[in-house]
PDB file of N, CA and C in Angstrom:
ATOM      1  N   MET A   1      93.974 115.958  85.036  1.00  0.00           N
ATOM      2  CA  MET A   1      94.964 115.612  86.032  1.00  0.00           C
ATOM      3  C   MET A   1      94.634 114.218  86.570  1.00  0.00           C
ATOM      4  N   SER A   2      95.656 113.400  86.687  1.00  0.00           N
ATOM      5  CA  SER A   2      95.392 112.080  87.261  1.00  0.00           C
ATOM      6  C   SER A   2      95.142 112.231  88.756  1.00  0.00           C
ATOM      7  N   ALA A   3      94.663 111.182  89.356  1.00  0.00           N
ATOM      8  CA  ALA A   3      94.273 111.225  90.768  1.00  0.00           C
ATOM      9  C   ALA A   3      95.436 111.656  91.651  1.00  0.00           C
ATOM     10  N   LEU A   4      95.128 112.545  92.575  1.00  0.00           N
ATOM     11  CA  LEU A   4      96.123 112.994  93.538  1.00  0.00           C
ATOM     12  C   LEU A   4      96.186 112.020  94.696  1.00  0.00           C
ATOM     13  N   LYS A   5      97.405 111.773  95.165  1.00  0.00           N
ATOM     14  CA  LYS A   5      97.625 110.976  96.360  1.00  0.00           C
ATOM     15  C   LYS A   5      98.344 111.869  97.350  1.00  0.00           C
ATOM     16  N   ILE A   6      97.876 111.856  98.583  1.00  0.00           N
ATOM     17  CA  ILE A   6      98.558 112.605  99.627  1.00  0.00           C
ATOM     18  C   ILE A   6      98.932 111.637 100.738  1.00  0.00           C
ATOM     19  N   TYR A   7     100.218 111.624 101.037  1.00  0.00           N
ATOM     20  CA  TYR A   7     100.734 110.782 102.116  1.00  0.00           C
ATOM     21  C   TYR A   7     100.801 111.650 103.363  1.00  0.00           C
ATOM     22  N   THR A   8     100.151 111.184 104.428  1.00  0.00           N
ATOM     23  CA  THR A   8     100.055 111.973 105.653  1.00  0.00           C
ATOM     24  C   THR A   8     100.324 111.117 106.884  1.00  0.00           C
ATOM     25  N   LEU A   9     100.491 111.813 107.991  1.00  0.00           N
ATOM     26  CA  LEU A   9     100.608 111.185 109.302  1.00  0.00           C
ATOM     27  C   LEU A   9      99.456 111.732 110.131  1.00  0.00           C
ATOM     28  N   ALA A  10      98.690 110.864 110.756  1.00  0.00           N
ATOM     29  CA  ALA A  10      97.467 111.260 111.456  1.00  0.00           C
ATOM     30  C   ALA A  10      97.674 112.351 112.499  1.00  0.00           C
ATOM     31  N   ASN A  11      98.776 112.295 113.236  1.00  0.00           N
ATOM     32  CA  ASN A  11      98.971 113.284 114.299  1.00  0.00           C
ATOM     33  C   ASN A  11      99.842 114.464 113.876  1.00  0.00           C
ATOM     34  N   CYS A  12      99.952 114.701 112.587  1.00  0.00           N
ATOM     35  CA  CYS A  12     100.755 115.804 112.048  1.00  0.00           C
ATOM     36  C   CYS A  12      99.831 116.988 111.739  1.00  0.00           C
ATOM     37  N   ASP A  13     100.026 118.091 112.443  1.00  0.00           N
ATOM     38  CA  ASP A  13      99.192 119.281 112.229  1.00  0.00           C
ATOM     39  C   ASP A  13      99.276 119.790 110.797  1.00  0.00           C
ATOM     40  N   THR A  14     100.470 119.795 110.234  1.00  0.00           N
ATOM     41  CA  THR A  14     100.642 120.287 108.870  1.00  0.00           C
ATOM     42  C   THR A  14      99.875 119.415 107.883  1.00  0.00           C
ATOM     43  N   CYS A  15      99.896 118.116 108.095  1.00  0.00           N
ATOM     44  CA  CYS A  15      99.151 117.200 107.223  1.00  0.00           C
ATOM     45  C   CYS A  15      97.651 117.468 107.334  1.00  0.00           C
ATOM     46  N   ARG A  16      97.173 117.661 108.546  1.00  0.00           N
ATOM     47  CA  ARG A  16      95.745 117.946 108.738  1.00  0.00           C
ATOM     48  C   ARG A  16      95.347 119.250 108.058  1.00  0.00           C
ATOM     49  N   LYS A  17      96.200 120.270 108.142  1.00  0.00           N
ATOM     50  CA  LYS A  17      95.922 121.542 107.469  1.00  0.00           C
ATOM     51  C   LYS A  17      95.847 121.348 105.962  1.00  0.00           C
ATOM     52  N   ALA A  18      96.767 120.563 105.420  1.00  0.00           N
ATOM     53  CA  ALA A  18      96.792 120.322 103.977  1.00  0.00           C
ATOM     54  C   ALA A  18      95.531 119.602 103.513  1.00  0.00           C
ATOM     55  N   VAL A  19      95.126 118.577 104.238  1.00  0.00           N
ATOM     56  CA  VAL A  19      93.923 117.824 103.883  1.00  0.00           C
ATOM     57  C   VAL A  19      92.686 118.724 103.985  1.00  0.00           C
ATOM     58  N   LYS A  20      92.626 119.514 105.031  1.00  0.00           N
ATOM     59  CA  LYS A  20      91.504 120.450 105.202  1.00  0.00           C
ATOM     60  C   LYS A  20      91.473 121.455 104.049  1.00  0.00           C
ATOM     61  N   TRP A  21      92.629 121.935 103.650  1.00  0.00           N
ATOM     62  CA  TRP A  21      92.739 122.892 102.550  1.00  0.00           C
ATOM     63  C   TRP A  21      92.222 122.263 101.254  1.00  0.00           C
ATOM     64  N   LEU A  22      92.643 121.035 100.970  1.00  0.00           N
ATOM     65  CA  LEU A  22      92.186 120.337  99.754  1.00  0.00           C
ATOM     66  C   LEU A  22      90.673 120.159  99.763  1.00  0.00           C
ATOM     67  N   ARG A  23      90.145 119.699 100.893  1.00  0.00           N
ATOM     68  CA  ARG A  23      88.690 119.474 100.999  1.00  0.00           C
ATOM     69  C   ARG A  23      87.915 120.774 100.830  1.00  0.00           C
ATOM     70  N   ALA A  24      88.398 121.857 101.421  1.00  0.00           N
ATOM     71  CA  ALA A  24      87.707 123.154 101.339  1.00  0.00           C
ATOM     72  C   ALA A  24      87.626 123.658  99.901  1.00  0.00           C
ATOM     73  N   ARG A  25      88.537 123.201  99.063  1.00  0.00           N
ATOM     74  CA  ARG A  25      88.555 123.627  97.662  1.00  0.00           C
ATOM     75  C   ARG A  25      87.960 122.590  96.719  1.00  0.00           C
ATOM     76  N   GLY A  26      87.406 121.534  97.295  1.00  0.00           N
ATOM     77  CA  GLY A  26      86.757 120.510  96.486  1.00  0.00           C
ATOM     78  C   GLY A  26      87.712 119.717  95.613  1.00  0.00           C
ATOM     79  N   ILE A  27      88.952 119.623  96.029  1.00  0.00           N
ATOM     80  CA  ILE A  27      89.951 118.873  95.261  1.00  0.00           C
ATOM     81  C   ILE A  27      89.938 117.430  95.743  1.00  0.00           C
ATOM     82  N   SER A  28      89.683 116.508  94.826  1.00  0.00           N
ATOM     83  CA  SER A  28      89.617 115.097  95.227  1.00  0.00           C
ATOM     84  C   SER A  28      91.026 114.515  95.326  1.00  0.00           C
ATOM     85  N   PHE A  29      91.177 113.597  96.255  1.00  0.00           N
ATOM     86  CA  PHE A  29      92.478 112.987  96.510  1.00  0.00           C
ATOM     87  C   PHE A  29      92.286 111.667  97.236  1.00  0.00           C
ATOM     88  N   GLU A  30      93.331 110.878  97.211  1.00  0.00           N
ATOM     89  CA  GLU A  30      93.382 109.630  97.975  1.00  0.00           C
ATOM     90  C   GLU A  30      94.405 109.846  99.079  1.00  0.00           C
ATOM     91  N   GLU A  31      94.003 109.607 100.306  1.00  0.00           N
ATOM     92  CA  GLU A  31      94.918 109.803 101.431  1.00  0.00           C
ATOM     93  C   GLU A  31      95.527 108.469 101.832  1.00  0.00           C
ATOM     94  N   ARG A  32      96.836 108.490 102.048  1.00  0.00           N
ATOM     95  CA  ARG A  32      97.548 107.286 102.474  1.00  0.00           C
ATOM     96  C   ARG A  32      98.351 107.584 103.733  1.00  0.00           C
ATOM     97  N   ALA A  33      98.391 106.614 104.621  1.00  0.00           N
ATOM     98  CA  ALA A  33      99.185 106.749 105.851  1.00  0.00           C
ATOM     99  C   ALA A  33     100.653 106.532 105.501  1.00  0.00           C
ATOM    100  N   ILE A  34     101.460 107.556 105.694  1.00  0.00           N
ATOM    101  CA  ILE A  34     102.853 107.524 105.238  1.00  0.00           C
ATOM    102  C   ILE A  34     103.710 106.486 105.967  1.00  0.00           C
ATOM    103  N   ARG A  35     103.403 106.222 107.230  1.00  0.00           N
ATOM    104  CA  ARG A  35     104.181 105.209 107.956  1.00  0.00           C
ATOM    105  C   ARG A  35     103.905 103.806 107.429  1.00  0.00           C
ATOM    106  N   GLU A  36     102.626 103.508 107.216  1.00  0.00           N
ATOM    107  CA  GLU A  36     102.231 102.168 106.781  1.00  0.00           C
ATOM    108  C   GLU A  36     102.486 101.938 105.296  1.00  0.00           C
ATOM    109  N   THR A  37     102.310 102.965 104.487  1.00  0.00           N
ATOM    110  CA  THR A  37     102.514 102.836 103.040  1.00  0.00           C
ATOM    111  C   THR A  37     103.299 104.041 102.530  1.00  0.00           C
ATOM    112  N   PRO A  38     104.619 104.016 102.709  1.00  0.00           N
ATOM    113  CA  PRO A  38     105.434 105.136 102.223  1.00  0.00           C
ATOM    114  C   PRO A  38     105.327 105.258 100.701  1.00  0.00           C
ATOM    115  N   PRO A  39     105.675 106.426 100.163  1.00  0.00           N
ATOM    116  CA  PRO A  39     105.680 106.565  98.704  1.00  0.00           C
ATOM    117  C   PRO A  39     106.590 105.511  98.070  1.00  0.00           C
ATOM    118  N   THR A  40     106.243 105.110  96.854  1.00  0.00           N
ATOM    119  CA  THR A  40     107.051 104.122  96.140  1.00  0.00           C
ATOM    120  C   THR A  40     108.345 104.764  95.645  1.00  0.00           C
ATOM    121  N   LYS A  41     109.301 103.930  95.278  1.00  0.00           N
ATOM    122  CA  LYS A  41     110.550 104.461  94.722  1.00  0.00           C
ATOM    123  C   LYS A  41     110.279 105.280  93.466  1.00  0.00           C
ATOM    124  N   ALA A  42     109.313 104.843  92.644  1.00  0.00           N
ATOM    125  CA  ALA A  42     108.982 105.591  91.427  1.00  0.00           C
ATOM    126  C   ALA A  42     108.415 106.968  91.778  1.00  0.00           C
ATOM    127  N   GLU A  43     107.551 107.024  92.782  1.00  0.00           N
ATOM    128  CA  GLU A  43     106.990 108.316  93.212  1.00  0.00           C
ATOM    129  C   GLU A  43     108.088 109.211  93.792  1.00  0.00           C
ATOM    130  N   LEU A  44     108.970 108.625  94.580  1.00  0.00           N
ATOM    131  CA  LEU A  44     110.068 109.385  95.165  1.00  0.00           C
ATOM    132  C   LEU A  44     111.001 109.917  94.079  1.00  0.00           C
ATOM    133  N   LYS A  45     111.255 109.098  93.086  1.00  0.00           N
ATOM    134  CA  LYS A  45     112.135 109.511  91.983  1.00  0.00           C
ATOM    135  C   LYS A  45     111.499 110.664  91.201  1.00  0.00           C
ATOM    136  N   ALA A  46     110.189 110.583  90.968  1.00  0.00           N
ATOM    137  CA  ALA A  46     109.477 111.664  90.270  1.00  0.00           C
ATOM    138  C   ALA A  46     109.523 112.945  91.104  1.00  0.00           C
ATOM    139  N   MET A  47     109.323 112.821  92.405  1.00  0.00           N
ATOM    140  CA  MET A  47     109.366 113.992  93.285  1.00  0.00           C
ATOM    141  C   MET A  47     110.766 114.592  93.298  1.00  0.00           C
ATOM    142  N   LEU A  48     111.767 113.743  93.326  1.00  0.00           N
ATOM    143  CA  LEU A  48     113.149 114.206  93.320  1.00  0.00           C
ATOM    144  C   LEU A  48     113.434 115.019  92.056  1.00  0.00           C
ATOM    145  N   ALA A  49     112.940 114.549  90.928  1.00  0.00           N
ATOM    146  CA  ALA A  49     113.118 115.284  89.665  1.00  0.00           C
ATOM    147  C   ALA A  49     112.429 116.643  89.739  1.00  0.00           C
ATOM    148  N   ALA A  50     111.247 116.686  90.353  1.00  0.00           N
ATOM    149  CA  ALA A  50     110.510 117.945  90.482  1.00  0.00           C
ATOM    150  C   ALA A  50     111.265 118.939  91.357  1.00  0.00           C
ATOM    151  N   TYR A  51     112.085 118.442  92.259  1.00  0.00           N
ATOM    152  CA  TYR A  51     112.877 119.301  93.139  1.00  0.00           C
ATOM    153  C   TYR A  51     114.341 119.340  92.695  1.00  0.00           C
ATOM    154  N   GLN A  52     114.552 119.214  91.396  1.00  0.00           N
ATOM    155  CA  GLN A  52     115.869 119.340  90.760  1.00  0.00           C
ATOM    156  C   GLN A  52     116.967 118.520  91.440  1.00  0.00           C
ATOM    157  N   GLY A  53     116.613 117.323  91.873  1.00  0.00           N
ATOM    158  CA  GLY A  53     117.610 116.422  92.428  1.00  0.00           C
ATOM    159  C   GLY A  53     118.062 116.736  93.847  1.00  0.00           C
ATOM    160  N   GLU A  54     117.372 117.635  94.524  1.00  0.00           N
ATOM    161  CA  GLU A  54     117.741 117.996  95.898  1.00  0.00           C
ATOM    162  C   GLU A  54     117.188 116.950  96.875  1.00  0.00           C
ATOM    163  N   LEU A  55     117.974 115.927  97.144  1.00  0.00           N
ATOM    164  CA  LEU A  55     117.544 114.822  98.005  1.00  0.00           C
ATOM    165  C   LEU A  55     117.066 115.301  99.372  1.00  0.00           C
ATOM    166  N   ARG A  56     117.755 116.269  99.940  1.00  0.00           N
ATOM    167  CA  ARG A  56     117.417 116.742 101.284  1.00  0.00           C
ATOM    168  C   ARG A  56     115.971 117.235 101.367  1.00  0.00           C
ATOM    169  N   ARG A  57     115.431 117.769 100.271  1.00  0.00           N
ATOM    170  CA  ARG A  57     114.062 118.291 100.258  1.00  0.00           C
ATOM    171  C   ARG A  57     113.025 117.201 100.517  1.00  0.00           C
ATOM    172  N   LEU A  58     113.384 115.948 100.241  1.00  0.00           N
ATOM    173  CA  LEU A  58     112.438 114.844 100.422  1.00  0.00           C
ATOM    174  C   LEU A  58     112.467 114.272 101.840  1.00  0.00           C
ATOM    175  N   PHE A  59     113.470 114.631 102.609  1.00  0.00           N
ATOM    176  CA  PHE A  59     113.631 114.073 103.951  1.00  0.00           C
ATOM    177  C   PHE A  59     112.983 114.944 105.018  1.00  0.00           C
ATOM    178  N   ASN A  60     112.395 114.291 106.014  1.00  0.00           N
ATOM    179  CA  ASN A  60     111.850 114.944 107.197  1.00  0.00           C
ATOM    180  C   ASN A  60     113.034 115.195 108.131  1.00  0.00           C
ATOM    181  N   THR A  61     113.740 116.297 107.890  1.00  0.00           N
ATOM    182  CA  THR A  61     114.993 116.559 108.600  1.00  0.00           C
ATOM    183  C   THR A  61     114.798 116.877 110.077  1.00  0.00           C
ATOM    184  N   SER A  62     113.576 117.166 110.483  1.00  0.00           N
ATOM    185  CA  SER A  62     113.338 117.445 111.903  1.00  0.00           C
ATOM    186  C   SER A  62     112.837 116.208 112.652  1.00  0.00           C
ATOM    187  N   GLY A  63     112.699 115.092 111.965  1.00  0.00           N
ATOM    188  CA  GLY A  63     112.174 113.877 112.578  1.00  0.00           C
ATOM    189  C   GLY A  63     113.211 113.109 113.386  1.00  0.00           C
ATOM    190  N   GLY A  64     112.708 112.360 114.355  1.00  0.00           N
ATOM    191  CA  GLY A  64     113.564 111.557 115.220  1.00  0.00           C
ATOM    192  C   GLY A  64     114.359 110.505 114.470  1.00  0.00           C
ATOM    193  N   ASP A  65     113.733 109.826 113.507  1.00  0.00           N
ATOM    194  CA  ASP A  65     114.435 108.778 112.752  1.00  0.00           C
ATOM    195  C   ASP A  65     115.610 109.371 111.983  1.00  0.00           C
ATOM    196  N   TYR A  66     115.409 110.554 111.410  1.00  0.00           N
ATOM    197  CA  TYR A  66     116.462 111.232 110.645  1.00  0.00           C
ATOM    198  C   TYR A  66     117.647 111.544 111.556  1.00  0.00           C
ATOM    199  N   ARG A  67     117.342 112.082 112.735  1.00  0.00           N
ATOM    200  CA  ARG A  67     118.406 112.442 113.682  1.00  0.00           C
ATOM    201  C   ARG A  67     119.098 111.201 114.246  1.00  0.00           C
ATOM    202  N   GLU A  68     118.297 110.186 114.614  1.00  0.00           N
ATOM    203  CA  GLU A  68     118.873 108.961 115.196  1.00  0.00           C
ATOM    204  C   GLU A  68     119.842 108.269 114.234  1.00  0.00           C
ATOM    205  N   GLN A  69     119.502 108.296 112.959  1.00  0.00           N
ATOM    206  CA  GLN A  69     120.355 107.650 111.951  1.00  0.00           C
ATOM    207  C   GLN A  69     121.485 108.568 111.476  1.00  0.00           C
ATOM    208  N   LYS A  70     121.535 109.782 112.036  1.00  0.00           N
ATOM    209  CA  LYS A  70     122.568 110.762 111.669  1.00  0.00           C
ATOM    210  C   LYS A  70     122.611 110.991 110.151  1.00  0.00           C
ATOM    211  N   LEU A  71     121.426 111.073 109.565  1.00  0.00           N
ATOM    212  CA  LEU A  71     121.358 111.219 108.115  1.00  0.00           C
ATOM    213  C   LEU A  71     121.834 112.586 107.640  1.00  0.00           C
ATOM    214  N   GLY A  72     121.787 113.582 108.505  1.00  0.00           N
ATOM    215  CA  GLY A  72     122.310 114.888 108.132  1.00  0.00           C
ATOM    216  C   GLY A  72     123.776 114.804 107.738  1.00  0.00           C
ATOM    217  N   GLU A  73     124.519 113.943 108.442  1.00  0.00           N
ATOM    218  CA  GLU A  73     125.940 113.741 108.138  1.00  0.00           C
ATOM    219  C   GLU A  73     126.135 112.809 106.951  1.00  0.00           C
ATOM    220  N   GLN A  74     125.244 111.820 106.825  1.00  0.00           N
ATOM    221  CA  GLN A  74     125.402 110.792 105.791  1.00  0.00           C
ATOM    222  C   GLN A  74     124.859 111.194 104.423  1.00  0.00           C
ATOM    223  N   LEU A  75     123.850 112.047 104.411  1.00  0.00           N
ATOM    224  CA  LEU A  75     123.137 112.356 103.172  1.00  0.00           C
ATOM    225  C   LEU A  75     124.033 112.823 102.027  1.00  0.00           C
ATOM    226  N   PRO A  76     125.001 113.714 102.270  1.00  0.00           N
ATOM    227  CA  PRO A  76     125.831 114.158 101.149  1.00  0.00           C
ATOM    228  C   PRO A  76     126.587 113.022 100.449  1.00  0.00           C
ATOM    229  N   ALA A  77     126.904 111.964 101.175  1.00  0.00           N
ATOM    230  CA  ALA A  77     127.671 110.857 100.602  1.00  0.00           C
ATOM    231  C   ALA A  77     126.786 109.735 100.054  1.00  0.00           C
ATOM    232  N   LEU A  78     125.480 109.771 100.354  1.00  0.00           N
ATOM    233  CA  LEU A  78     124.581 108.697  99.898  1.00  0.00           C
ATOM    234  C   LEU A  78     124.303 108.807  98.409  1.00  0.00           C
ATOM    235  N   SER A  79     124.242 107.666  97.755  1.00  0.00           N
ATOM    236  CA  SER A  79     123.832 107.667  96.348  1.00  0.00           C
ATOM    237  C   SER A  79     122.335 107.933  96.297  1.00  0.00           C
ATOM    238  N   GLU A  80     121.868 108.352  95.142  1.00  0.00           N
ATOM    239  CA  GLU A  80     120.431 108.588  94.968  1.00  0.00           C
ATOM    240  C   GLU A  80     119.652 107.313  95.259  1.00  0.00           C
ATOM    241  N   ALA A  81     120.129 106.185  94.749  1.00  0.00           N
ATOM    242  CA  ALA A  81     119.439 104.906  94.951  1.00  0.00           C
ATOM    243  C   ALA A  81     119.360 104.550  96.437  1.00  0.00           C
ATOM    244  N   ALA A  82     120.445 104.760  97.166  1.00  0.00           N
ATOM    245  CA  ALA A  82     120.454 104.445  98.598  1.00  0.00           C
ATOM    246  C   ALA A  82     119.494 105.353  99.353  1.00  0.00           C
ATOM    247  N   ALA A  83     119.492 106.636  99.020  1.00  0.00           N
ATOM    248  CA  ALA A  83     118.609 107.588  99.689  1.00  0.00           C
ATOM    249  C   ALA A  83     117.146 107.259  99.412  1.00  0.00           C
ATOM    250  N   LEU A  84     116.821 106.968  98.163  1.00  0.00           N
ATOM    251  CA  LEU A  84     115.437 106.625  97.813  1.00  0.00           C
ATOM    252  C   LEU A  84     115.018 105.320  98.478  1.00  0.00           C
ATOM    253  N   GLY A  85     115.952 104.387  98.615  1.00  0.00           N
ATOM    254  CA  GLY A  85     115.670 103.137  99.308  1.00  0.00           C
ATOM    255  C   GLY A  85     115.328 103.373 100.774  1.00  0.00           C
ATOM    256  N   LEU A  86     116.061 104.270 101.428  1.00  0.00           N
ATOM    257  CA  LEU A  86     115.768 104.618 102.818  1.00  0.00           C
ATOM    258  C   LEU A  86     114.370 105.222 102.940  1.00  0.00           C
ATOM    259  N   LEU A  87     114.054 106.163 102.052  1.00  0.00           N
ATOM    260  CA  LEU A  87     112.755 106.826 102.091  1.00  0.00           C
ATOM    261  C   LEU A  87     111.615 105.848 101.824  1.00  0.00           C
ATOM    262  N   ALA A  88     111.772 104.989 100.827  1.00  0.00           N
ATOM    263  CA  ALA A  88     110.720 104.030 100.476  1.00  0.00           C
ATOM    264  C   ALA A  88     110.516 102.993 101.577  1.00  0.00           C
ATOM    265  N   GLY A  89     111.554 102.761 102.365  1.00  0.00           N
ATOM    266  CA  GLY A  89     111.473 101.755 103.420  1.00  0.00           C
ATOM    267  C   GLY A  89     111.042 102.282 104.777  1.00  0.00           C
ATOM    268  N   ASN A  90     111.006 103.610 104.934  1.00  0.00           N
ATOM    269  CA  ASN A  90     110.661 104.186 106.229  1.00  0.00           C
ATOM    270  C   ASN A  90     109.919 105.507 106.015  1.00  0.00           C
ATOM    271  N   GLY A  91     108.605 105.451 106.091  1.00  0.00           N
ATOM    272  CA  GLY A  91     107.777 106.639 105.876  1.00  0.00           C
ATOM    273  C   GLY A  91     108.059 107.767 106.850  1.00  0.00           C
ATOM    274  N   ASN A  92     108.614 107.456 108.018  1.00  0.00           N
ATOM    275  CA  ASN A  92     108.955 108.503 108.985  1.00  0.00           C
ATOM    276  C   ASN A  92     110.042 109.434 108.449  1.00  0.00           C
ATOM    277  N   LEU A  93     110.820 108.955 107.500  1.00  0.00           N
ATOM    278  CA  LEU A  93     111.906 109.762 106.953  1.00  0.00           C
ATOM    279  C   LEU A  93     111.431 110.743 105.883  1.00  0.00           C
ATOM    280  N   VAL A  94     110.236 110.519 105.343  1.00  0.00           N
ATOM    281  CA  VAL A  94     109.734 111.314 104.220  1.00  0.00           C
ATOM    282  C   VAL A  94     109.097 112.608 104.723  1.00  0.00           C
ATOM    283  N   LYS A  95     109.477 113.723 104.092  1.00  0.00           N
ATOM    284  CA  LYS A  95     108.853 115.008 104.429  1.00  0.00           C
ATOM    285  C   LYS A  95     107.377 114.928 104.055  1.00  0.00           C
ATOM    286  N   ARG A  96     106.560 115.428 104.952  1.00  0.00           N
ATOM    287  CA  ARG A  96     105.124 115.352 104.731  1.00  0.00           C
ATOM    288  C   ARG A  96     104.486 116.716 104.934  1.00  0.00           C
ATOM    289  N   PRO A  97     103.305 116.888 104.392  1.00  0.00           N
ATOM    290  CA  PRO A  97     102.617 115.969 103.500  1.00  0.00           C
ATOM    291  C   PRO A  97     103.354 115.844 102.166  1.00  0.00           C
ATOM    292  N   PHE A  98     103.127 114.722 101.533  1.00  0.00           N
ATOM    293  CA  PHE A  98     103.762 114.369 100.270  1.00  0.00           C
ATOM    294  C   PHE A  98     102.617 114.208  99.281  1.00  0.00           C
ATOM    295  N   LEU A  99     102.463 115.154  98.353  1.00  0.00           N
ATOM    296  CA  LEU A  99     101.337 115.170  97.413  1.00  0.00           C
ATOM    297  C   LEU A  99     101.839 114.921  96.007  1.00  0.00           C
ATOM    298  N   ILE A 100     101.268 113.919  95.348  1.00  0.00           N
ATOM    299  CA  ILE A 100     101.718 113.575  94.003  1.00  0.00           C
ATOM    300  C   ILE A 100     100.540 113.135  93.151  1.00  0.00           C
ATOM    301  N   GLY A 101     100.579 113.516  91.882  1.00  0.00           N
ATOM    302  CA  GLY A 101      99.552 113.109  90.931  1.00  0.00           C
ATOM    303  C   GLY A 101      99.666 113.929  89.669  1.00  0.00           C
ATOM    304  N   GLY A 102      99.789 113.263  88.539  1.00  0.00           N
ATOM    305  CA  GLY A 102      99.917 113.978  87.271  1.00  0.00           C
ATOM    306  C   GLY A 102     101.142 114.878  87.282  1.00  0.00           C
ATOM    307  N   GLU A 103     100.923 116.147  87.019  1.00  0.00           N
ATOM    308  CA  GLU A 103     102.019 117.120  86.996  1.00  0.00           C
ATOM    309  C   GLU A 103     102.280 117.735  88.373  1.00  0.00           C
ATOM    310  N   VAL A 104     101.475 117.380  89.364  1.00  0.00           N
ATOM    311  CA  VAL A 104     101.589 117.983  90.693  1.00  0.00           C
ATOM    312  C   VAL A 104     102.480 117.142  91.588  1.00  0.00           C
ATOM    313  N   MET A 105     103.531 117.774  92.106  1.00  0.00           N
ATOM    314  CA  MET A 105     104.451 117.101  93.014  1.00  0.00           C
ATOM    315  C   MET A 105     104.895 118.105  94.056  1.00  0.00           C
ATOM    316  N   LEU A 106     104.393 117.920  95.287  1.00  0.00           N
ATOM    317  CA  LEU A 106     104.674 118.871  96.364  1.00  0.00           C
ATOM    318  C   LEU A 106     105.006 118.145  97.666  1.00  0.00           C
ATOM    319  N   VAL A 107     106.014 118.641  98.364  1.00  0.00           N
ATOM    320  CA  VAL A 107     106.309 118.145  99.708  1.00  0.00           C
ATOM    321  C   VAL A 107     106.209 119.319 100.665  1.00  0.00           C
ATOM    322  N   GLY A 108     105.737 119.030 101.876  1.00  0.00           N
ATOM    323  CA  GLY A 108     105.494 120.101 102.827  1.00  0.00           C
ATOM    324  C   GLY A 108     104.237 120.846 102.411  1.00  0.00           C
ATOM    325  N   PHE A 109     103.690 121.647 103.307  1.00  0.00           N
ATOM    326  CA  PHE A 109     102.478 122.397 102.969  1.00  0.00           C
ATOM    327  C   PHE A 109     102.758 123.882 103.017  1.00  0.00           C
ATOM    328  N   ASP A 110     102.638 124.500 101.861  1.00  0.00           N
ATOM    329  CA  ASP A 110     102.744 125.941 101.719  1.00  0.00           C
ATOM    330  C   ASP A 110     101.514 126.356 100.923  1.00  0.00           C
ATOM    331  N   GLU A 111     100.591 127.045 101.583  1.00  0.00           N
ATOM    332  CA  GLU A 111      99.308 127.358 100.958  1.00  0.00           C
ATOM    333  C   GLU A 111      99.465 128.063  99.618  1.00  0.00           C
ATOM    334  N   ALA A 112     100.339 129.032  99.524  1.00  0.00           N
ATOM    335  CA  ALA A 112     100.516 129.766  98.269  1.00  0.00           C
ATOM    336  C   ALA A 112     101.060 128.848  97.170  1.00  0.00           C
ATOM    337  N   GLY A 113     102.011 128.016  97.522  1.00  0.00           N
ATOM    338  CA  GLY A 113     102.574 127.085  96.551  1.00  0.00           C
ATOM    339  C   GLY A 113     101.557 126.058  96.081  1.00  0.00           C
ATOM    340  N   TRP A 114     100.764 125.568  97.015  1.00  0.00           N
ATOM    341  CA  TRP A 114      99.738 124.592  96.663  1.00  0.00           C
ATOM    342  C   TRP A 114      98.677 125.244  95.791  1.00  0.00           C
ATOM    343  N   ALA A 115      98.293 126.472  96.117  1.00  0.00           N
ATOM    344  CA  ALA A 115      97.293 127.173  95.315  1.00  0.00           C
ATOM    345  C   ALA A 115      97.810 127.374  93.901  1.00  0.00           C
ATOM    346  N   ALA A 116      99.060 127.759  93.752  1.00  0.00           N
ATOM    347  CA  ALA A 116      99.654 127.969  92.424  1.00  0.00           C
ATOM    348  C   ALA A 116      99.661 126.663  91.631  1.00  0.00           C
ATOM    349  N   ALA A 117      99.972 125.562  92.289  1.00  0.00           N
ATOM    350  CA  ALA A 117     100.077 124.269  91.597  1.00  0.00           C
ATOM    351  C   ALA A 117      98.726 123.635  91.302  1.00  0.00           C
ATOM    352  N   LEU A 118      97.746 123.852  92.193  1.00  0.00           N
ATOM    353  CA  LEU A 118      96.486 123.124  92.080  1.00  0.00           C
ATOM    354  C   LEU A 118      95.305 123.955  91.574  1.00  0.00           C
ATOM    355  N   LEU A 119      95.331 125.246  91.790  1.00  0.00           N
ATOM    356  CA  LEU A 119      94.170 126.062  91.429  1.00  0.00           C
ATOM    357  C   LEU A 119      94.366 126.837  90.134  1.00  0.00           C
ATOM    358  N   ALA A 120      95.590 126.952  89.685  1.00  0.00           N
ATOM    359  CA  ALA A 120      95.864 127.722  88.479  1.00  0.00           C
ATOM    360  C   ALA A 120      95.556 126.941  87.199  1.00  0.00           C
ATOM    361  N   LYS A 121      95.145 125.718  87.332  1.00  0.00           N
ATOM    362  CA  LYS A 121      94.920 124.860  86.164  1.00  0.00           C
ATOM    363  C   LYS A 121      93.553 125.112  85.566  1.00  0.00           C
TER     364      LYS A 121
END
């Protein structure tokens, strides 16, 4: 498996749980601050493919930036390129934690899902 990258926000409890979970299992990863260095368009496109093109799955729909920009109303009409551009340009819009590497592509933290993806190998 190629190196795992996890995009997190320091004050996000879910991100801290995910990082703690990875460390407890001895899984190596590179942690990146999602606000300062959002996922690249290529990473977002790969994640989108892993989630069968469901753009909404990549967005932090409970975040202030999402609500302020009224993206819930706009998202259905946005092109894939426009949506990925928004995500790549504003890490606050990206659902976190965002874990990518090799065949592993996960957004949000679900212990059972992460265990299936990372420990079954």
